[in-house]
Amino acid sequence: MKKMMIAAMALLLTNCCMTAQEVRTLPQPTTGEVKMTLMDALRQRSSEREFDSSRAVDDQTLANILWAACGISRPESGKITAASAINAQDIQVYVCTAQGAWLWQPKENVLQKVCDKDLRKAIAARQESVAAAPVSLVLVSDQSKFGGRGNGETYGCMDAGYVSQNIYLACTAMGLKTVARAMMMKDDVAEGLKLSENQVLMLNHPIGY
C-alpha cells in the first residue's frame, strides 16, 4: 500500500511539472504604448514576405498582437476586439515558433503547449522566405461554436478576416511585418496542431521584423 501511495504521489508530481512546462503566461497587453493613429496604420498597412530570422518577437510584443487579434476588450461582457458572427467567437489563434506550437487562451492570457514540433515550414509551404519569420500565427475556426446555426464555414471565413485585419493593423502600428496567407500544407499543419474535425484551418500570419 505504501509503495502504491508513493507511486501515485510521484505520478501526480510529474503531471504537475508537465502542466507547468506546457503553459506559458503572457504579460498583460500594453495597448497605451502604441502611438500610431488608426488612419496612419490603415495608410501604411502592407503585405510583407521577407523576415529577419535573427530577430525574435518578445512576449510583450506577442501579447499585444494577440490581444489586438481577438483579445478580451470588454471583460464585463466577454466581448472581443474582433467582430464575430452571432458572437460565436469561433476563431482560435495558434502560435508557432521554432520551439513548438501553442494555443492562445485569451481569457487567461496564456499559451497552452500543443506540440514540440516546428511547424513553420509546413505553414509556409512553398514560400521559403515566409518560414524565416520567428512567429507564425494560425487562425482556426472552431465550427462547434456555431451550434449548427447558419452556415458555419462561411461565418468562420468572415470572422477570420476580421481577426486577420486586426493583426495587420497591430503589426503595422508596432513596426512589424506580416502577410495574410491561405496557403499551407494543411494536412501536416492540422496534424501538428492536433485539430479535431470541427476545427477548420483558415489563415496564417507570419510575423517578424
N, C-alpha and C. Protein backbone atom coordinates (compact mmCIF):
# COMPACT_ATOMS: atom_id res chain seq x y z
N MET A 1 0.83 -1.20 0.00
CA MET A 1 0.00 0.00 0.00
C MET A 1 0.87 1.26 0.00
N LYS A 2 1.94 1.22 0.85
CA LYS A 2 2.82 2.38 0.94
C LYS A 2 3.49 2.65 -0.40
N LYS A 3 3.92 1.59 -1.08
CA LYS A 3 4.56 1.75 -2.39
C LYS A 3 3.58 2.34 -3.40
N MET A 4 2.33 1.90 -3.33
CA MET A 4 1.32 2.41 -4.25
C MET A 4 1.08 3.89 -4.02
N MET A 5 1.05 4.31 -2.74
CA MET A 5 0.85 5.72 -2.42
C MET A 5 2.01 6.56 -2.92
N ILE A 6 3.24 6.05 -2.75
CA ILE A 6 4.43 6.77 -3.21
C ILE A 6 4.40 6.91 -4.73
N ALA A 7 4.02 5.82 -5.41
CA ALA A 7 3.95 5.85 -6.87
C ALA A 7 2.90 6.85 -7.35
N ALA A 8 1.76 6.88 -6.66
CA ALA A 8 0.69 7.81 -7.03
C ALA A 8 1.13 9.25 -6.84
N MET A 9 1.85 9.52 -5.74
CA MET A 9 2.34 10.87 -5.48
C MET A 9 3.37 11.28 -6.53
N ALA A 10 4.23 10.35 -6.91
CA ALA A 10 5.24 10.63 -7.93
C ALA A 10 4.59 10.96 -9.27
N LEU A 11 3.53 10.20 -9.61
CA LEU A 11 2.81 10.45 -10.85
C LEU A 11 2.15 11.82 -10.83
N LEU A 12 1.56 12.17 -9.68
CA LEU A 12 0.90 13.47 -9.54
C LEU A 12 1.90 14.61 -9.71
N LEU A 13 3.07 14.47 -9.08
CA LEU A 13 4.11 15.50 -9.20
C LEU A 13 4.60 15.63 -10.62
N THR A 14 4.74 14.49 -11.31
CA THR A 14 5.17 14.51 -12.71
C THR A 14 4.17 15.25 -13.58
N ASN A 15 2.88 14.95 -13.36
CA ASN A 15 1.83 15.62 -14.14
C ASN A 15 1.80 17.12 -13.87
N CYS A 16 2.04 17.50 -12.59
CA CYS A 16 2.06 18.92 -12.25
C CYS A 16 3.21 19.62 -12.94
N CYS A 17 4.38 18.97 -12.97
CA CYS A 17 5.54 19.55 -13.64
C CYS A 17 5.30 19.70 -15.13
N MET A 18 4.69 18.68 -15.73
CA MET A 18 4.40 18.73 -17.16
C MET A 18 3.43 19.86 -17.46
N THR A 19 2.40 20.03 -16.60
CA THR A 19 1.43 21.09 -16.81
C THR A 19 2.09 22.45 -16.74
N ALA A 20 3.00 22.63 -15.75
CA ALA A 20 3.68 23.90 -15.59
C ALA A 20 4.53 24.22 -16.81
N GLN A 21 5.17 23.20 -17.38
CA GLN A 21 6.02 23.39 -18.55
C GLN A 21 5.20 23.68 -19.80
N GLU A 22 3.99 23.18 -19.86
CA GLU A 22 3.19 23.28 -21.08
C GLU A 22 2.38 24.56 -21.15
N VAL A 23 2.34 25.35 -20.09
CA VAL A 23 1.57 26.60 -20.08
C VAL A 23 2.50 27.78 -19.88
N ARG A 24 2.40 28.75 -20.77
CA ARG A 24 3.18 29.99 -20.65
C ARG A 24 2.23 31.15 -20.40
N THR A 25 2.44 31.86 -19.33
CA THR A 25 1.63 33.05 -19.04
C THR A 25 2.26 34.24 -19.74
N LEU A 26 1.46 34.96 -20.51
CA LEU A 26 1.96 36.12 -21.24
C LEU A 26 1.78 37.39 -20.40
N PRO A 27 2.59 38.42 -20.67
CA PRO A 27 2.38 39.70 -19.99
C PRO A 27 1.03 40.30 -20.38
N GLN A 28 0.50 41.15 -19.55
CA GLN A 28 -0.72 41.86 -19.90
C GLN A 28 -0.42 42.81 -21.07
N PRO A 29 -1.35 42.95 -22.03
CA PRO A 29 -1.09 43.83 -23.17
C PRO A 29 -0.91 45.28 -22.73
N THR A 30 0.04 45.94 -23.36
CA THR A 30 0.32 47.35 -23.07
C THR A 30 -0.16 48.19 -24.24
N THR A 31 -1.46 48.32 -24.35
CA THR A 31 -2.05 48.97 -25.52
C THR A 31 -1.77 50.46 -25.56
N GLY A 32 -1.49 51.07 -24.42
CA GLY A 32 -1.27 52.51 -24.40
C GLY A 32 0.06 52.95 -24.98
N GLU A 33 0.96 51.98 -25.24
CA GLU A 33 2.28 52.34 -25.75
C GLU A 33 2.31 52.55 -27.26
N VAL A 34 1.27 52.14 -27.96
CA VAL A 34 1.23 52.29 -29.42
C VAL A 34 0.79 53.71 -29.76
N LYS A 35 1.64 54.44 -30.48
CA LYS A 35 1.38 55.85 -30.75
C LYS A 35 0.80 56.11 -32.14
N MET A 36 0.91 55.16 -33.06
CA MET A 36 0.42 55.39 -34.41
C MET A 36 -1.10 55.48 -34.42
N THR A 37 -1.64 56.41 -35.17
CA THR A 37 -3.09 56.55 -35.25
C THR A 37 -3.67 55.46 -36.15
N LEU A 38 -4.97 55.22 -36.01
CA LEU A 38 -5.64 54.24 -36.85
C LEU A 38 -5.52 54.61 -38.33
N MET A 39 -5.69 55.88 -38.66
CA MET A 39 -5.62 56.29 -40.05
C MET A 39 -4.24 56.07 -40.64
N ASP A 40 -3.20 56.33 -39.84
CA ASP A 40 -1.83 56.08 -40.32
C ASP A 40 -1.58 54.59 -40.50
N ALA A 41 -2.12 53.77 -39.59
CA ALA A 41 -1.95 52.32 -39.71
C ALA A 41 -2.63 51.80 -40.97
N LEU A 42 -3.81 52.31 -41.26
CA LEU A 42 -4.52 51.92 -42.49
C LEU A 42 -3.73 52.34 -43.72
N ARG A 43 -3.15 53.53 -43.66
CA ARG A 43 -2.39 54.04 -44.80
C ARG A 43 -1.11 53.23 -45.04
N GLN A 44 -0.47 52.81 -43.98
CA GLN A 44 0.83 52.13 -44.09
C GLN A 44 0.74 50.61 -44.15
N ARG A 45 -0.43 50.06 -43.88
CA ARG A 45 -0.57 48.60 -43.88
C ARG A 45 -0.15 48.02 -45.23
N SER A 46 0.65 46.94 -45.16
CA SER A 46 1.10 46.29 -46.40
C SER A 46 1.38 44.82 -46.12
N SER A 47 1.48 44.04 -47.19
CA SER A 47 1.79 42.61 -47.08
C SER A 47 3.28 42.41 -47.35
N GLU A 48 3.98 41.84 -46.38
CA GLU A 48 5.43 41.65 -46.47
C GLU A 48 5.76 40.17 -46.31
N ARG A 49 6.70 39.69 -47.15
CA ARG A 49 7.04 38.26 -47.14
C ARG A 49 8.51 37.98 -46.85
N GLU A 50 9.27 39.01 -46.51
CA GLU A 50 10.69 38.84 -46.17
C GLU A 50 10.87 39.19 -44.70
N PHE A 51 11.54 38.30 -43.94
CA PHE A 51 11.67 38.49 -42.50
C PHE A 51 13.10 38.26 -42.04
N ASP A 52 13.48 38.96 -40.98
CA ASP A 52 14.78 38.80 -40.34
C ASP A 52 14.68 37.65 -39.34
N SER A 53 15.26 36.52 -39.69
CA SER A 53 15.13 35.33 -38.84
C SER A 53 15.92 35.45 -37.54
N SER A 54 16.85 36.40 -37.48
CA SER A 54 17.71 36.53 -36.30
C SER A 54 17.08 37.40 -35.20
N ARG A 55 16.01 38.09 -35.51
CA ARG A 55 15.39 38.98 -34.53
C ARG A 55 14.08 38.39 -34.03
N ALA A 56 14.05 38.09 -32.75
CA ALA A 56 12.88 37.43 -32.15
C ALA A 56 11.77 38.43 -31.87
N VAL A 57 10.56 37.90 -31.72
CA VAL A 57 9.41 38.68 -31.25
C VAL A 57 9.24 38.36 -29.77
N ASP A 58 9.43 39.37 -28.91
CA ASP A 58 9.38 39.10 -27.47
C ASP A 58 7.94 38.88 -27.00
N ASP A 59 7.82 38.38 -25.78
CA ASP A 59 6.50 38.01 -25.25
C ASP A 59 5.56 39.21 -25.11
N GLN A 60 6.11 40.38 -24.75
CA GLN A 60 5.24 41.55 -24.61
C GLN A 60 4.65 41.95 -25.96
N THR A 61 5.49 41.94 -27.00
CA THR A 61 5.01 42.26 -28.34
C THR A 61 3.99 41.24 -28.80
N LEU A 62 4.27 39.96 -28.55
CA LEU A 62 3.34 38.90 -28.92
C LEU A 62 2.01 39.07 -28.20
N ALA A 63 2.06 39.40 -26.91
CA ALA A 63 0.83 39.59 -26.14
C ALA A 63 0.00 40.73 -26.70
N ASN A 64 0.66 41.80 -27.12
CA ASN A 64 -0.05 42.94 -27.70
C ASN A 64 -0.74 42.57 -29.01
N ILE A 65 -0.03 41.80 -29.86
CA ILE A 65 -0.60 41.39 -31.15
C ILE A 65 -1.78 40.45 -30.95
N LEU A 66 -1.64 39.50 -30.04
CA LEU A 66 -2.72 38.55 -29.79
C LEU A 66 -3.96 39.25 -29.24
N TRP A 67 -3.74 40.20 -28.33
CA TRP A 67 -4.89 40.94 -27.80
C TRP A 67 -5.59 41.71 -28.91
N ALA A 68 -4.80 42.36 -29.79
CA ALA A 68 -5.39 43.09 -30.91
C ALA A 68 -6.16 42.15 -31.83
N ALA A 69 -5.65 40.94 -32.01
CA ALA A 69 -6.27 39.98 -32.93
C ALA A 69 -7.69 39.65 -32.51
N CYS A 70 -7.87 39.16 -31.30
CA CYS A 70 -9.21 38.80 -30.80
C CYS A 70 -9.20 38.65 -29.29
N GLY A 71 -8.54 39.59 -28.62
CA GLY A 71 -8.47 39.55 -27.17
C GLY A 71 -9.73 40.09 -26.52
N ILE A 72 -9.82 39.91 -25.22
CA ILE A 72 -10.98 40.38 -24.46
C ILE A 72 -10.87 41.89 -24.29
N SER A 73 -11.76 42.62 -24.93
CA SER A 73 -11.72 44.09 -24.86
C SER A 73 -12.69 44.64 -23.83
N ARG A 74 -13.74 43.88 -23.51
CA ARG A 74 -14.72 44.30 -22.50
C ARG A 74 -14.98 43.14 -21.55
N PRO A 75 -14.15 43.04 -20.51
CA PRO A 75 -14.22 41.89 -19.61
C PRO A 75 -15.60 41.69 -18.99
N GLU A 76 -16.33 42.78 -18.75
CA GLU A 76 -17.63 42.65 -18.09
C GLU A 76 -18.65 41.90 -18.94
N SER A 77 -18.47 41.95 -20.27
CA SER A 77 -19.40 41.26 -21.16
C SER A 77 -18.76 40.13 -21.94
N GLY A 78 -17.42 40.00 -21.84
CA GLY A 78 -16.73 38.95 -22.58
C GLY A 78 -16.55 39.26 -24.06
N LYS A 79 -16.83 40.49 -24.47
CA LYS A 79 -16.69 40.86 -25.88
C LYS A 79 -15.21 40.99 -26.26
N ILE A 80 -14.92 40.75 -27.55
CA ILE A 80 -13.54 40.74 -28.01
C ILE A 80 -13.29 41.87 -29.01
N THR A 81 -12.03 42.04 -29.39
CA THR A 81 -11.64 43.15 -30.26
C THR A 81 -12.11 42.97 -31.69
N ALA A 82 -12.48 41.78 -32.09
CA ALA A 82 -12.91 41.50 -33.47
C ALA A 82 -14.41 41.22 -33.51
N ALA A 83 -15.04 41.65 -34.60
CA ALA A 83 -16.44 41.27 -34.81
C ALA A 83 -16.53 39.76 -34.97
N SER A 84 -17.69 39.19 -34.62
CA SER A 84 -17.86 37.74 -34.73
C SER A 84 -19.32 37.43 -35.04
N ALA A 85 -19.54 36.61 -36.07
CA ALA A 85 -20.90 36.22 -36.45
C ALA A 85 -21.60 35.56 -35.27
N ILE A 86 -22.81 36.03 -34.99
CA ILE A 86 -23.64 35.61 -33.85
C ILE A 86 -22.83 35.53 -32.55
N ASN A 87 -21.79 36.34 -32.47
CA ASN A 87 -20.90 36.40 -31.29
C ASN A 87 -20.39 35.01 -30.89
N ALA A 88 -20.13 34.17 -31.88
CA ALA A 88 -19.66 32.82 -31.59
C ALA A 88 -18.23 32.79 -31.08
N GLN A 89 -17.44 33.81 -31.47
CA GLN A 89 -16.03 33.88 -31.08
C GLN A 89 -15.32 32.57 -31.40
N ASP A 90 -15.49 32.16 -32.64
CA ASP A 90 -15.00 30.85 -33.07
C ASP A 90 -13.53 30.80 -33.43
N ILE A 91 -12.91 31.95 -33.67
CA ILE A 91 -11.53 31.94 -34.14
C ILE A 91 -10.56 31.67 -33.00
N GLN A 92 -9.75 30.63 -33.18
CA GLN A 92 -8.69 30.28 -32.24
C GLN A 92 -7.35 30.62 -32.90
N VAL A 93 -6.43 31.16 -32.10
CA VAL A 93 -5.13 31.55 -32.63
C VAL A 93 -4.05 30.63 -32.07
N TYR A 94 -3.34 29.96 -32.96
CA TYR A 94 -2.21 29.10 -32.59
C TYR A 94 -0.91 29.85 -32.87
N VAL A 95 0.01 29.79 -31.93
CA VAL A 95 1.30 30.47 -32.04
C VAL A 95 2.37 29.43 -32.33
N CYS A 96 3.02 29.55 -33.49
CA CYS A 96 4.00 28.55 -33.91
C CYS A 96 5.39 29.18 -34.02
N THR A 97 6.37 28.57 -33.35
CA THR A 97 7.74 29.05 -33.36
C THR A 97 8.69 27.86 -33.53
N ALA A 98 9.98 28.13 -33.46
CA ALA A 98 10.97 27.05 -33.55
C ALA A 98 10.86 26.08 -32.39
N GLN A 99 10.30 26.54 -31.26
CA GLN A 99 10.19 25.70 -30.06
C GLN A 99 8.92 24.88 -30.02
N GLY A 100 8.01 25.06 -30.98
CA GLY A 100 6.78 24.28 -30.98
C GLY A 100 5.57 25.13 -31.27
N ALA A 101 4.40 24.62 -30.91
CA ALA A 101 3.14 25.31 -31.18
C ALA A 101 2.31 25.39 -29.91
N TRP A 102 1.62 26.52 -29.76
CA TRP A 102 0.78 26.77 -28.58
C TRP A 102 -0.58 27.28 -29.03
N LEU A 103 -1.60 26.98 -28.25
CA LEU A 103 -2.93 27.56 -28.45
C LEU A 103 -3.09 28.70 -27.46
N TRP A 104 -3.39 29.89 -27.97
CA TRP A 104 -3.60 31.04 -27.09
C TRP A 104 -4.98 30.97 -26.46
N GLN A 105 -5.03 31.12 -25.14
CA GLN A 105 -6.28 31.16 -24.39
C GLN A 105 -6.52 32.61 -23.97
N PRO A 106 -7.37 33.35 -24.67
CA PRO A 106 -7.49 34.79 -24.41
C PRO A 106 -8.02 35.15 -23.04
N LYS A 107 -8.91 34.37 -22.47
CA LYS A 107 -9.47 34.72 -21.15
C LYS A 107 -8.39 34.67 -20.07
N GLU A 108 -7.52 33.68 -20.14
CA GLU A 108 -6.46 33.54 -19.15
C GLU A 108 -5.17 34.22 -19.61
N ASN A 109 -5.09 34.60 -20.90
CA ASN A 109 -3.90 35.19 -21.50
C ASN A 109 -2.69 34.27 -21.32
N VAL A 110 -2.87 33.00 -21.65
CA VAL A 110 -1.79 32.02 -21.56
C VAL A 110 -1.68 31.27 -22.89
N LEU A 111 -0.50 30.69 -23.10
CA LEU A 111 -0.26 29.82 -24.25
C LEU A 111 -0.23 28.38 -23.75
N GLN A 112 -1.08 27.54 -24.32
CA GLN A 112 -1.16 26.12 -23.95
C GLN A 112 -0.39 25.31 -24.99
N LYS A 113 0.64 24.61 -24.56
CA LYS A 113 1.50 23.85 -25.48
C LYS A 113 0.70 22.77 -26.19
N VAL A 114 0.86 22.71 -27.51
CA VAL A 114 0.18 21.71 -28.33
C VAL A 114 1.16 20.64 -28.80
N CYS A 115 2.33 21.09 -29.25
CA CYS A 115 3.35 20.13 -29.71
C CYS A 115 4.72 20.79 -29.67
N ASP A 116 5.77 19.97 -29.73
CA ASP A 116 7.14 20.47 -29.70
C ASP A 116 7.72 20.65 -31.11
N LYS A 117 6.96 20.33 -32.12
CA LYS A 117 7.45 20.37 -33.49
C LYS A 117 7.41 21.78 -34.06
N ASP A 118 8.45 22.14 -34.82
CA ASP A 118 8.48 23.41 -35.54
C ASP A 118 7.66 23.26 -36.82
N LEU A 119 6.49 23.89 -36.85
CA LEU A 119 5.57 23.74 -37.98
C LEU A 119 5.70 24.86 -39.01
N ARG A 120 6.65 25.77 -38.84
CA ARG A 120 6.71 26.95 -39.69
C ARG A 120 6.93 26.62 -41.17
N LYS A 121 7.71 25.59 -41.47
CA LYS A 121 7.90 25.22 -42.88
C LYS A 121 6.62 24.67 -43.49
N ALA A 122 5.89 23.88 -42.73
CA ALA A 122 4.62 23.36 -43.23
C ALA A 122 3.62 24.49 -43.42
N ILE A 123 3.69 25.49 -42.55
CA ILE A 123 2.80 26.64 -42.68
C ILE A 123 3.20 27.48 -43.89
N ALA A 124 4.50 27.64 -44.10
CA ALA A 124 4.98 28.44 -45.23
C ALA A 124 4.76 27.76 -46.57
N ALA A 125 4.66 26.42 -46.56
CA ALA A 125 4.51 25.64 -47.80
C ALA A 125 5.67 25.95 -48.74
N ARG A 126 5.41 26.47 -49.92
CA ARG A 126 6.47 26.65 -50.91
C ARG A 126 7.15 28.03 -50.82
N GLN A 127 6.73 28.87 -49.91
CA GLN A 127 7.33 30.19 -49.78
C GLN A 127 8.37 30.16 -48.66
N GLU A 128 9.64 29.88 -49.05
CA GLU A 128 10.69 29.68 -48.06
C GLU A 128 10.97 30.94 -47.25
N SER A 129 10.83 32.11 -47.85
CA SER A 129 11.11 33.35 -47.11
C SER A 129 10.15 33.52 -45.95
N VAL A 130 8.93 33.02 -46.10
CA VAL A 130 7.93 33.14 -45.04
C VAL A 130 8.30 32.28 -43.83
N ALA A 131 8.97 31.15 -44.09
CA ALA A 131 9.36 30.25 -43.00
C ALA A 131 10.40 30.88 -42.09
N ALA A 132 11.05 31.97 -42.54
CA ALA A 132 12.07 32.64 -41.74
C ALA A 132 11.46 33.49 -40.63
N ALA A 133 10.17 33.79 -40.72
CA ALA A 133 9.52 34.59 -39.68
C ALA A 133 9.62 33.86 -38.35
N PRO A 134 10.02 34.55 -37.27
CA PRO A 134 10.18 33.87 -35.97
C PRO A 134 8.88 33.36 -35.39
N VAL A 135 7.77 33.98 -35.78
CA VAL A 135 6.45 33.56 -35.28
C VAL A 135 5.48 33.44 -36.44
N SER A 136 4.69 32.38 -36.44
CA SER A 136 3.57 32.26 -37.38
C SER A 136 2.30 32.04 -36.56
N LEU A 137 1.32 32.89 -36.81
CA LEU A 137 0.02 32.73 -36.17
C LEU A 137 -0.90 31.98 -37.13
N VAL A 138 -1.58 30.97 -36.65
CA VAL A 138 -2.50 30.19 -37.46
C VAL A 138 -3.91 30.42 -36.92
N LEU A 139 -4.81 30.85 -37.81
CA LEU A 139 -6.19 31.12 -37.43
C LEU A 139 -7.06 29.92 -37.78
N VAL A 140 -7.76 29.41 -36.79
CA VAL A 140 -8.60 28.21 -36.92
C VAL A 140 -10.01 28.56 -36.48
N SER A 141 -11.00 28.11 -37.24
CA SER A 141 -12.40 28.32 -36.85
C SER A 141 -12.93 27.05 -36.19
N ASP A 142 -13.35 27.20 -34.94
CA ASP A 142 -13.97 26.09 -34.21
C ASP A 142 -15.46 26.08 -34.56
N GLN A 143 -15.83 25.22 -35.49
CA GLN A 143 -17.20 25.20 -36.00
C GLN A 143 -18.23 24.79 -34.95
N SER A 144 -17.79 24.13 -33.90
CA SER A 144 -18.73 23.73 -32.86
C SER A 144 -19.31 24.94 -32.13
N LYS A 145 -18.62 26.08 -32.20
CA LYS A 145 -19.10 27.29 -31.52
C LYS A 145 -20.40 27.81 -32.13
N PHE A 146 -20.70 27.44 -33.38
CA PHE A 146 -21.91 27.94 -34.03
C PHE A 146 -23.14 27.11 -33.67
N GLY A 147 -22.93 25.93 -33.10
CA GLY A 147 -24.06 25.11 -32.66
C GLY A 147 -25.05 24.77 -33.76
N GLY A 148 -24.55 24.64 -35.01
CA GLY A 148 -25.42 24.29 -36.12
C GLY A 148 -26.24 25.45 -36.66
N ARG A 149 -26.01 26.66 -36.16
CA ARG A 149 -26.77 27.82 -36.62
C ARG A 149 -26.11 28.44 -37.85
N GLY A 150 -26.88 28.63 -38.91
CA GLY A 150 -26.38 29.28 -40.11
C GLY A 150 -25.32 28.45 -40.83
N ASN A 151 -24.58 29.11 -41.72
CA ASN A 151 -23.52 28.45 -42.47
C ASN A 151 -22.21 28.67 -41.73
N GLY A 152 -21.83 27.70 -40.91
CA GLY A 152 -20.68 27.84 -40.04
C GLY A 152 -19.38 28.17 -40.75
N GLU A 153 -19.13 27.51 -41.89
CA GLU A 153 -17.86 27.73 -42.57
C GLU A 153 -17.80 29.13 -43.18
N THR A 154 -18.92 29.61 -43.70
CA THR A 154 -18.97 30.99 -44.20
C THR A 154 -18.73 31.97 -43.07
N TYR A 155 -19.41 31.73 -41.94
CA TYR A 155 -19.20 32.58 -40.77
C TYR A 155 -17.74 32.56 -40.32
N GLY A 156 -17.15 31.37 -40.35
CA GLY A 156 -15.76 31.23 -39.94
C GLY A 156 -14.82 32.02 -40.83
N CYS A 157 -15.08 32.00 -42.15
CA CYS A 157 -14.26 32.78 -43.09
C CYS A 157 -14.38 34.28 -42.80
N MET A 158 -15.59 34.72 -42.53
CA MET A 158 -15.81 36.12 -42.20
C MET A 158 -15.03 36.50 -40.93
N ASP A 159 -15.18 35.69 -39.91
CA ASP A 159 -14.54 36.01 -38.63
C ASP A 159 -13.02 35.98 -38.74
N ALA A 160 -12.49 35.05 -39.52
CA ALA A 160 -11.04 35.00 -39.73
C ALA A 160 -10.56 36.28 -40.40
N GLY A 161 -11.35 36.81 -41.31
CA GLY A 161 -10.99 38.06 -41.99
C GLY A 161 -10.92 39.23 -41.02
N TYR A 162 -11.87 39.29 -40.09
CA TYR A 162 -11.85 40.38 -39.10
C TYR A 162 -10.58 40.29 -38.24
N VAL A 163 -10.27 39.08 -37.77
CA VAL A 163 -9.09 38.88 -36.93
C VAL A 163 -7.82 39.19 -37.71
N SER A 164 -7.80 38.76 -38.97
CA SER A 164 -6.64 39.00 -39.83
C SER A 164 -6.35 40.49 -39.98
N GLN A 165 -7.39 41.27 -40.21
CA GLN A 165 -7.18 42.71 -40.36
C GLN A 165 -6.66 43.33 -39.06
N ASN A 166 -7.15 42.86 -37.93
CA ASN A 166 -6.63 43.36 -36.65
C ASN A 166 -5.14 43.08 -36.51
N ILE A 167 -4.73 41.87 -36.93
CA ILE A 167 -3.31 41.51 -36.86
C ILE A 167 -2.49 42.42 -37.76
N TYR A 168 -2.97 42.65 -38.97
CA TYR A 168 -2.30 43.55 -39.90
C TYR A 168 -2.07 44.92 -39.27
N LEU A 169 -3.14 45.50 -38.72
CA LEU A 169 -3.07 46.87 -38.20
C LEU A 169 -2.17 46.93 -36.96
N ALA A 170 -2.25 45.92 -36.10
CA ALA A 170 -1.40 45.90 -34.92
C ALA A 170 0.07 45.81 -35.31
N CYS A 171 0.39 44.93 -36.26
CA CYS A 171 1.78 44.79 -36.70
C CYS A 171 2.28 46.10 -37.32
N THR A 172 1.46 46.73 -38.13
CA THR A 172 1.85 47.99 -38.75
C THR A 172 2.14 49.04 -37.69
N ALA A 173 1.25 49.17 -36.71
CA ALA A 173 1.41 50.18 -35.67
C ALA A 173 2.62 49.92 -34.78
N MET A 174 3.05 48.65 -34.69
CA MET A 174 4.16 48.29 -33.81
C MET A 174 5.47 48.09 -34.55
N GLY A 175 5.46 48.36 -35.86
CA GLY A 175 6.70 48.28 -36.63
C GLY A 175 7.11 46.88 -37.04
N LEU A 176 6.15 45.96 -37.13
CA LEU A 176 6.44 44.61 -37.57
C LEU A 176 5.88 44.36 -38.96
N LYS A 177 6.34 43.27 -39.57
CA LYS A 177 5.86 42.86 -40.89
C LYS A 177 4.95 41.65 -40.75
N THR A 178 3.99 41.54 -41.66
CA THR A 178 3.15 40.35 -41.71
C THR A 178 2.48 40.26 -43.08
N VAL A 179 1.86 39.12 -43.33
CA VAL A 179 1.06 38.92 -44.54
C VAL A 179 0.01 37.85 -44.23
N ALA A 180 -1.20 38.06 -44.71
CA ALA A 180 -2.25 37.05 -44.55
C ALA A 180 -2.11 36.02 -45.65
N ARG A 181 -2.14 34.74 -45.29
CA ARG A 181 -1.92 33.67 -46.26
C ARG A 181 -2.94 32.55 -46.03
N ALA A 182 -3.46 32.03 -47.13
CA ALA A 182 -4.30 30.83 -47.05
C ALA A 182 -3.48 29.58 -47.38
N MET A 183 -2.35 29.77 -48.10
CA MET A 183 -1.51 28.64 -48.47
C MET A 183 -0.81 28.04 -47.26
N MET A 184 -0.87 26.74 -47.13
CA MET A 184 -0.11 25.98 -46.13
C MET A 184 -0.32 24.50 -46.41
N MET A 185 0.53 23.67 -45.89
CA MET A 185 0.37 22.22 -46.03
C MET A 185 -0.65 21.79 -44.97
N LYS A 186 -1.92 21.86 -45.36
CA LYS A 186 -3.00 21.78 -44.37
C LYS A 186 -3.03 20.47 -43.60
N ASP A 187 -2.79 19.36 -44.27
CA ASP A 187 -2.82 18.08 -43.55
C ASP A 187 -1.73 18.03 -42.48
N ASP A 188 -0.52 18.49 -42.83
CA ASP A 188 0.59 18.48 -41.88
C ASP A 188 0.35 19.44 -40.73
N VAL A 189 -0.18 20.61 -41.06
CA VAL A 189 -0.44 21.61 -40.02
C VAL A 189 -1.55 21.14 -39.08
N ALA A 190 -2.63 20.61 -39.65
CA ALA A 190 -3.74 20.13 -38.83
C ALA A 190 -3.29 18.99 -37.90
N GLU A 191 -2.46 18.10 -38.43
CA GLU A 191 -1.94 17.00 -37.61
C GLU A 191 -1.05 17.54 -36.50
N GLY A 192 -0.16 18.48 -36.85
CA GLY A 192 0.75 19.04 -35.86
C GLY A 192 0.03 19.79 -34.75
N LEU A 193 -1.04 20.48 -35.11
CA LEU A 193 -1.82 21.24 -34.12
C LEU A 193 -2.85 20.39 -33.40
N LYS A 194 -2.97 19.13 -33.83
CA LYS A 194 -3.92 18.18 -33.21
C LYS A 194 -5.36 18.69 -33.31
N LEU A 195 -5.72 19.17 -34.50
CA LEU A 195 -7.05 19.72 -34.69
C LEU A 195 -8.10 18.61 -34.77
N SER A 196 -9.29 18.91 -34.28
CA SER A 196 -10.40 17.98 -34.38
C SER A 196 -11.12 18.22 -35.71
N GLU A 197 -12.11 17.38 -36.01
CA GLU A 197 -12.84 17.53 -37.26
C GLU A 197 -13.70 18.79 -37.27
N ASN A 198 -13.95 19.36 -36.10
CA ASN A 198 -14.73 20.60 -36.01
C ASN A 198 -13.88 21.85 -36.20
N GLN A 199 -12.56 21.69 -36.23
CA GLN A 199 -11.67 22.84 -36.35
C GLN A 199 -11.17 22.95 -37.79
N VAL A 200 -11.42 24.12 -38.39
CA VAL A 200 -11.09 24.33 -39.80
C VAL A 200 -9.98 25.37 -39.92
N LEU A 201 -8.90 25.01 -40.62
CA LEU A 201 -7.81 25.95 -40.88
C LEU A 201 -8.29 27.05 -41.80
N MET A 202 -8.02 28.30 -41.45
CA MET A 202 -8.45 29.43 -42.24
C MET A 202 -7.27 30.19 -42.86
N LEU A 203 -6.49 30.84 -42.04
CA LEU A 203 -5.40 31.69 -42.50
C LEU A 203 -4.18 31.52 -41.60
N ASN A 204 -3.04 32.00 -42.11
CA ASN A 204 -1.87 32.11 -41.26
C ASN A 204 -1.21 33.46 -41.47
N HIS A 205 -0.55 33.95 -40.44
CA HIS A 205 0.13 35.23 -40.45
C HIS A 205 1.56 35.06 -39.94
N PRO A 206 2.57 34.95 -40.83
CA PRO A 206 3.95 35.03 -40.35
C PRO A 206 4.21 36.44 -39.83
N ILE A 207 4.95 36.54 -38.74
CA ILE A 207 5.20 37.84 -38.11
C ILE A 207 6.67 37.97 -37.74
N GLY A 208 7.23 39.13 -38.04
CA GLY A 208 8.61 39.40 -37.68
C GLY A 208 9.01 40.80 -38.08
N TYR A 209 10.33 41.02 -38.08
CA TYR A 209 10.86 42.34 -38.43
C TYR A 209 11.52 42.29 -39.79
